Every structure is written in structure tokens, then in C-alpha cells.
Amino acid sequence: MPAPATLRIAPAAPGNIVHLIEMIGELAAFEHLSHLLECTEEKLQAALFGPRPCIEALIGWVDDPAPQAVAYTICFQNYSTFLGRPGLYLEDLYVRPAWRQRGHARSMLTHLAALAVERGCGRFEWSVLDWNTGAQDFYRGLGAEVLPDWRITRLTGKALERLAGNRS
């Protein structure tokens, strides 16, 4: 295991968009989903800092010797009608390969869990690809439950437009 490096976690700022876009591209490649990547600096800027921000991002920085962005998370608030409370949904968690196995993913998740508790959230949730058993084991080790009976359902592109067009 490589030597630990102090991870400084901070909310993303407008000047950090380029770092986020780079790491989002790396995550898409890791997940073999680059062909689906449509996010641009402009889209991300609007989602984070536009008139109606809909996501939050944290960046994990290591000073080695100059500041380097080595990890990021993107999350947003959702709501549980069963709990009657907000929740925090983690869309992305990524640590660059050279910086893995140093506790950075755990630090990022711990930071988000503390935010969820501070905000009165009843849940902190995320999805994991079925083939990523290493991540599933890591999450279980943190005390998370990988739910076997829930499936993500998604409408995109033409199917989304078709359904939206059927509105009466």
C-alpha cells in the first residue's frame, strides 16, 4: 500500500471545471462508457454554478508538491417519501488510479456521510455497476448494503422524447 497522502476535500469552484471534466472522462473510460459521455465544461458549469444549480461537487486535492486534483464526487439531494426526509445521492465517486489504495475514497465518502447527517438526510445512496465487485466489497466494508432487489430504470434520448410527447 502506498504511503498515505493528506487529502484536502473542498467544494468545487468555477475554476475547477477543467479538473472535473478530465476526471469524468477517466471515470467513463474506466466504466467502459466513454461512448455515452456528453458532458462538457459548459454543461457542468451550468449544473454546478448556473441560475438553478442541480448538483454539488467535491474535489480531493493532494499537495505533491503542487496541488493536484486526485478525486472527485458529484452528488445531489433527493427525497424519500417513505422517510419524509431528504436524502443525498452520490452520482460519481472517482479516485485517479495512481492515488488509489490510500484511503481517499473512504475520506470522500466519510465527508459526504457527514454532510448527509448535518443536513438531516435519512439516506445516503449510490449505484454500483454489477461487474465492479471490488467496489461492492469496499462499500460493504463501510457498512453499506448493496441492494439486490432494486434496479435502476432509465429513459433517455428518443424514448424519453416519445414518452414526453404523449402528454395530454
C-alpha atoms as a PDB file:
ATOM      1  CA  MET A   1       0.000   0.000   0.000  1.00  0.00           C
ATOM      2  CA  PRO A   2       1.461   3.395  -0.972  1.00  0.00           C
ATOM      3  CA  ALA A   3       2.235   5.920   1.722  1.00  0.00           C
ATOM      4  CA  PRO A   4      -0.755   7.983   2.820  1.00  0.00           C
ATOM      5  CA  ALA A   5      -1.007  11.495   1.476  1.00  0.00           C
ATOM      6  CA  THR A   6      -3.142  14.113   3.127  1.00  0.00           C
ATOM      7  CA  LEU A   7      -6.311  14.638   1.142  1.00  0.00           C
ATOM      8  CA  ARG A   8      -7.844  18.091   1.283  1.00  0.00           C
ATOM      9  CA  ILE A   9     -11.536  17.984   0.344  1.00  0.00           C
ATOM     10  CA  ALA A  10     -13.153  21.176  -0.896  1.00  0.00           C
ATOM     11  CA  PRO A  11     -16.283  22.156  -2.798  1.00  0.00           C
ATOM     12  CA  ALA A  12     -15.616  22.643  -6.494  1.00  0.00           C
ATOM     13  CA  ALA A  13     -15.137  26.220  -7.632  1.00  0.00           C
ATOM     14  CA  PRO A  14     -15.774  27.609 -11.138  1.00  0.00           C
ATOM     15  CA  GLY A  15     -12.049  27.424 -11.905  1.00  0.00           C
ATOM     16  CA  ASN A  16     -12.048  23.662 -11.179  1.00  0.00           C
ATOM     17  CA  ILE A  17     -14.292  22.645 -14.075  1.00  0.00           C
ATOM     18  CA  VAL A  18     -11.356  21.523 -16.224  1.00  0.00           C
ATOM     19  CA  HIS A  19     -10.199  19.123 -13.467  1.00  0.00           C
ATOM     20  CA  LEU A  20     -13.690  17.704 -13.078  1.00  0.00           C
ATOM     21  CA  ILE A  21     -14.152  17.192 -16.826  1.00  0.00           C
ATOM     22  CA  GLU A  22     -10.809  15.359 -17.033  1.00  0.00           C
ATOM     23  CA  MET A  23     -11.723  13.024 -14.175  1.00  0.00           C
ATOM     24  CA  ILE A  24     -15.259  12.458 -15.513  1.00  0.00           C
ATOM     25  CA  GLY A  25     -13.641  11.339 -18.780  1.00  0.00           C
ATOM     26  CA  GLU A  26     -11.333   8.999 -16.855  1.00  0.00           C
ATOM     27  CA  LEU A  27     -14.294   7.529 -14.960  1.00  0.00           C
ATOM     28  CA  ALA A  28     -16.216   6.986 -18.201  1.00  0.00           C
ATOM     29  CA  ALA A  29     -13.217   5.144 -19.664  1.00  0.00           C
ATOM     30  CA  PHE A  30     -12.844   3.003 -16.512  1.00  0.00           C
ATOM     31  CA  GLU A  31     -16.526   2.050 -16.680  1.00  0.00           C
ATOM     32  CA  HIS A  32     -16.269   1.340 -20.451  1.00  0.00           C
ATOM     33  CA  LEU A  33     -18.900   4.031 -21.048  1.00  0.00           C
ATOM     34  CA  SER A  34     -16.936   6.722 -22.917  1.00  0.00           C
ATOM     35  CA  HIS A  35     -19.292   6.339 -25.863  1.00  0.00           C
ATOM     36  CA  LEU A  36     -22.104   7.737 -23.664  1.00  0.00           C
ATOM     37  CA  LEU A  37     -20.172  10.749 -22.378  1.00  0.00           C
ATOM     38  CA  GLU A  38     -21.777  14.031 -23.460  1.00  0.00           C
ATOM     39  CA  CYS A  39     -20.803  16.248 -20.534  1.00  0.00           C
ATOM     40  CA  THR A  40     -18.947  19.418 -21.493  1.00  0.00           C
ATOM     41  CA  GLU A  41     -17.360  22.177 -19.460  1.00  0.00           C
ATOM     42  CA  GLU A  42     -20.347  24.406 -20.298  1.00  0.00           C
ATOM     43  CA  LYS A  43     -22.933  21.841 -19.194  1.00  0.00           C
ATOM     44  CA  LEU A  44     -21.069  21.105 -15.980  1.00  0.00           C
ATOM     45  CA  GLN A  45     -20.561  24.805 -15.242  1.00  0.00           C
ATOM     46  CA  ALA A  46     -24.316  25.411 -15.595  1.00  0.00           C
ATOM     47  CA  ALA A  47     -25.232  22.389 -13.444  1.00  0.00           C
ATOM     48  CA  LEU A  48     -22.870  23.463 -10.655  1.00  0.00           C
ATOM     49  CA  PHE A  49     -22.954  27.253 -10.787  1.00  0.00           C
ATOM     50  CA  GLY A  50     -25.805  28.326 -13.064  1.00  0.00           C
ATOM     51  CA  PRO A  51     -29.017  30.049 -12.014  1.00  0.00           C
ATOM     52  CA  ARG A  52     -30.507  26.722 -10.832  1.00  0.00           C
ATOM     53  CA  PRO A  53     -27.635  24.534  -9.608  1.00  0.00           C
ATOM     54  CA  CYS A  54     -28.747  20.904  -9.506  1.00  0.00           C
ATOM     55  CA  ILE A  55     -25.573  19.156  -8.355  1.00  0.00           C
ATOM     56  CA  GLU A  56     -22.709  19.632  -5.946  1.00  0.00           C
ATOM     57  CA  ALA A  57     -19.121  18.555  -6.492  1.00  0.00           C
ATOM     58  CA  LEU A  58     -16.261  17.978  -4.120  1.00  0.00           C
ATOM     59  CA  ILE A  59     -12.658  17.699  -5.206  1.00  0.00           C
ATOM     60  CA  GLY A  60      -9.971  15.837  -3.304  1.00  0.00           C
ATOM     61  CA  TRP A  61      -6.649  17.646  -3.527  1.00  0.00           C
ATOM     62  CA  VAL A  62      -3.174  16.407  -2.656  1.00  0.00           C
ATOM     63  CA  ASP A  63      -0.228  18.794  -2.381  1.00  0.00           C
ATOM     64  CA  ASP A  64       2.582  16.784  -4.001  1.00  0.00           C
ATOM     65  CA  PRO A  65       4.339  19.294  -4.116  1.00  0.00           C
ATOM     66  CA  ALA A  66       1.849  21.448  -6.049  1.00  0.00           C
ATOM     67  CA  PRO A  67      -1.917  20.957  -5.593  1.00  0.00           C
ATOM     68  CA  GLN A  68      -3.257  18.093  -7.710  1.00  0.00           C
ATOM     69  CA  ALA A  69      -6.901  17.104  -8.142  1.00  0.00           C
ATOM     70  CA  VAL A  70      -6.857  13.358  -7.411  1.00  0.00           C
ATOM     71  CA  ALA A  71     -10.500  12.573  -6.640  1.00  0.00           C
ATOM     72  CA  TYR A  72     -13.989  13.938  -7.037  1.00  0.00           C
ATOM     73  CA  THR A  73     -17.590  13.324  -6.110  1.00  0.00           C
ATOM     74  CA  ILE A  74     -20.769  14.641  -7.650  1.00  0.00           C
ATOM     75  CA  CYS A  75     -23.961  14.396  -5.646  1.00  0.00           C
ATOM     76  CA  PHE A  76     -27.419  15.884  -5.382  1.00  0.00           C
ATOM     77  CA  GLN A  77     -30.297  15.978  -2.950  1.00  0.00           C
ATOM     78  CA  ASN A  78     -33.256  13.679  -3.433  1.00  0.00           C
ATOM     79  CA  TYR A  79     -36.249  12.947  -1.228  1.00  0.00           C
ATOM     80  CA  SER A  80     -37.671   9.830   0.410  1.00  0.00           C
ATOM     81  CA  THR A  81     -41.430   9.916   0.715  1.00  0.00           C
ATOM     82  CA  PHE A  82     -41.271   6.868   2.985  1.00  0.00           C
ATOM     83  CA  LEU A  83     -38.923   8.604   5.429  1.00  0.00           C
ATOM     84  CA  GLY A  84     -40.365  12.070   4.848  1.00  0.00           C
ATOM     85  CA  ARG A  85     -36.809  13.390   4.705  1.00  0.00           C
ATOM     86  CA  PRO A  86     -34.262  14.470   2.132  1.00  0.00           C
ATOM     87  CA  GLY A  87     -31.541  12.125   1.007  1.00  0.00           C
ATOM     88  CA  LEU A  88     -28.142  12.561  -0.560  1.00  0.00           C
ATOM     89  CA  TYR A  89     -27.479  10.713  -3.807  1.00  0.00           C
ATOM     90  CA  LEU A  90     -23.916  10.129  -4.956  1.00  0.00           C
ATOM     91  CA  GLU A  91     -23.723  10.185  -8.742  1.00  0.00           C
ATOM     92  CA  ASP A  92     -19.938   9.819  -9.086  1.00  0.00           C
ATOM     93  CA  LEU A  93     -17.033   8.866  -6.870  1.00  0.00           C
ATOM     94  CA  TYR A  94     -13.675   8.669  -8.600  1.00  0.00           C
ATOM     95  CA  VAL A  95     -10.096   8.450  -7.423  1.00  0.00           C
ATOM     96  CA  ARG A  96      -7.348   8.589 -10.024  1.00  0.00           C
ATOM     97  CA  PRO A  97      -5.539   5.231 -10.325  1.00  0.00           C
ATOM     98  CA  ALA A  98      -2.156   6.478  -9.052  1.00  0.00           C
ATOM     99  CA  TRP A  99      -3.873   7.694  -5.864  1.00  0.00           C
ATOM    100  CA  ARG A 100      -5.947   4.607  -5.025  1.00  0.00           C
ATOM    101  CA  GLN A 101      -5.396   2.353  -2.029  1.00  0.00           C
ATOM    102  CA  ARG A 102      -4.552   5.351   0.166  1.00  0.00           C
ATOM    103  CA  GLY A 103      -7.895   5.866   1.893  1.00  0.00           C
ATOM    104  CA  HIS A 104      -9.024   8.698  -0.386  1.00  0.00           C
ATOM    105  CA  ALA A 105     -12.315   7.056  -1.450  1.00  0.00           C
ATOM    106  CA  ARG A 106     -13.124   6.401   2.204  1.00  0.00           C
ATOM    107  CA  SER A 107     -12.295  10.036   3.045  1.00  0.00           C
ATOM    108  CA  MET A 108     -14.576  11.322   0.290  1.00  0.00           C
ATOM    109  CA  LEU A 109     -17.445   9.048   1.403  1.00  0.00           C
ATOM    110  CA  THR A 110     -16.923   9.948   5.060  1.00  0.00           C
ATOM    111  CA  HIS A 111     -17.087  13.632   4.153  1.00  0.00           C
ATOM    112  CA  LEU A 112     -20.354  13.108   2.242  1.00  0.00           C
ATOM    113  CA  ALA A 113     -21.837  10.978   5.035  1.00  0.00           C
ATOM    114  CA  ALA A 114     -21.110  13.798   7.481  1.00  0.00           C
ATOM    115  CA  LEU A 115     -22.829  16.274   5.112  1.00  0.00           C
ATOM    116  CA  ALA A 116     -25.852  13.980   4.888  1.00  0.00           C
ATOM    117  CA  VAL A 117     -26.119  13.758   8.676  1.00  0.00           C
ATOM    118  CA  GLU A 118     -25.584  17.512   9.064  1.00  0.00           C
ATOM    119  CA  ARG A 119     -28.390  18.168   6.558  1.00  0.00           C
ATOM    120  CA  GLY A 120     -30.832  15.787   8.259  1.00  0.00           C
ATOM    121  CA  CYS A 121     -30.824  13.279   5.415  1.00  0.00           C
ATOM    122  CA  GLY A 122     -32.422   9.915   6.049  1.00  0.00           C
ATOM    123  CA  ARG A 123     -30.383   8.183   3.346  1.00  0.00           C
ATOM    124  CA  PHE A 124     -27.078   8.377   1.551  1.00  0.00           C
ATOM    125  CA  GLU A 125     -27.303   6.266  -1.599  1.00  0.00           C
ATOM    126  CA  TRP A 126     -25.457   5.484  -4.803  1.00  0.00           C
ATOM    127  CA  SER A 127     -25.312   2.842  -7.528  1.00  0.00           C
ATOM    128  CA  VAL A 128     -22.502   0.476  -8.372  1.00  0.00           C
ATOM    129  CA  LEU A 129     -22.019  -1.487 -11.567  1.00  0.00           C
ATOM    130  CA  ASP A 130     -22.741  -5.194 -11.185  1.00  0.00           C
ATOM    131  CA  TRP A 131     -19.314  -6.195 -12.506  1.00  0.00           C
ATOM    132  CA  ASN A 132     -17.437  -3.894 -10.097  1.00  0.00           C
ATOM    133  CA  THR A 133     -17.221  -6.407  -7.266  1.00  0.00           C
ATOM    134  CA  GLY A 134     -14.154  -4.689  -5.780  1.00  0.00           C
ATOM    135  CA  ALA A 135     -16.196  -1.529  -5.230  1.00  0.00           C
ATOM    136  CA  GLN A 136     -19.115  -3.556  -3.890  1.00  0.00           C
ATOM    137  CA  ASP A 137     -16.826  -5.243  -1.350  1.00  0.00           C
ATOM    138  CA  PHE A 138     -15.360  -1.867  -0.382  1.00  0.00           C
ATOM    139  CA  TYR A 139     -18.837  -0.393   0.168  1.00  0.00           C
ATOM    140  CA  ARG A 140     -19.940  -3.401   2.224  1.00  0.00           C
ATOM    141  CA  GLY A 141     -16.813  -2.934   4.331  1.00  0.00           C
ATOM    142  CA  LEU A 142     -18.036   0.578   5.133  1.00  0.00           C
ATOM    143  CA  GLY A 143     -21.358  -0.834   6.300  1.00  0.00           C
ATOM    144  CA  ALA A 144     -23.315  -0.092   3.118  1.00  0.00           C
ATOM    145  CA  GLU A 145     -25.880  -2.549   1.819  1.00  0.00           C
ATOM    146  CA  VAL A 146     -25.767  -3.418  -1.876  1.00  0.00           C
ATOM    147  CA  LEU A 147     -29.465  -3.853  -2.593  1.00  0.00           C
ATOM    148  CA  PRO A 148     -30.162  -6.943  -4.702  1.00  0.00           C
ATOM    149  CA  ASP A 149     -33.835  -6.242  -5.310  1.00  0.00           C
ATOM    150  CA  TRP A 150     -33.733  -2.730  -6.819  1.00  0.00           C
ATOM    151  CA  ARG A 151     -32.944  -1.980 -10.444  1.00  0.00           C
ATOM    152  CA  ILE A 152     -32.245   1.385 -11.997  1.00  0.00           C
ATOM    153  CA  THR A 153     -34.828   2.284 -14.613  1.00  0.00           C
ATOM    154  CA  ARG A 154     -33.908   4.925 -17.155  1.00  0.00           C
ATOM    155  CA  LEU A 155     -35.450   6.810 -20.072  1.00  0.00           C
ATOM    156  CA  THR A 156     -33.105   8.703 -22.386  1.00  0.00           C
ATOM    157  CA  GLY A 157     -32.971  10.098 -25.899  1.00  0.00           C
ATOM    158  CA  LYS A 158     -35.793   9.167 -28.242  1.00  0.00           C
ATOM    159  CA  ALA A 159     -37.619   7.029 -25.661  1.00  0.00           C
ATOM    160  CA  LEU A 160     -37.714   9.990 -23.263  1.00  0.00           C
ATOM    161  CA  GLU A 161     -38.873  12.341 -26.011  1.00  0.00           C
ATOM    162  CA  ARG A 162     -41.514   9.853 -27.155  1.00  0.00           C
ATOM    163  CA  LEU A 163     -42.975   9.490 -23.658  1.00  0.00           C
ATOM    164  CA  ALA A 164     -42.888  13.254 -23.094  1.00  0.00           C
ATOM    165  CA  GLY A 165     -44.734  13.738 -26.375  1.00  0.00           C
ATOM    166  CA  ASN A 166     -47.598  11.535 -25.158  1.00  0.00           C
ATOM    167  CA  ARG A 167     -48.613  14.080 -22.530  1.00  0.00           C
ATOM    168  CA  SER A 168     -52.275  15.018 -22.735  1.00  0.00           C
END
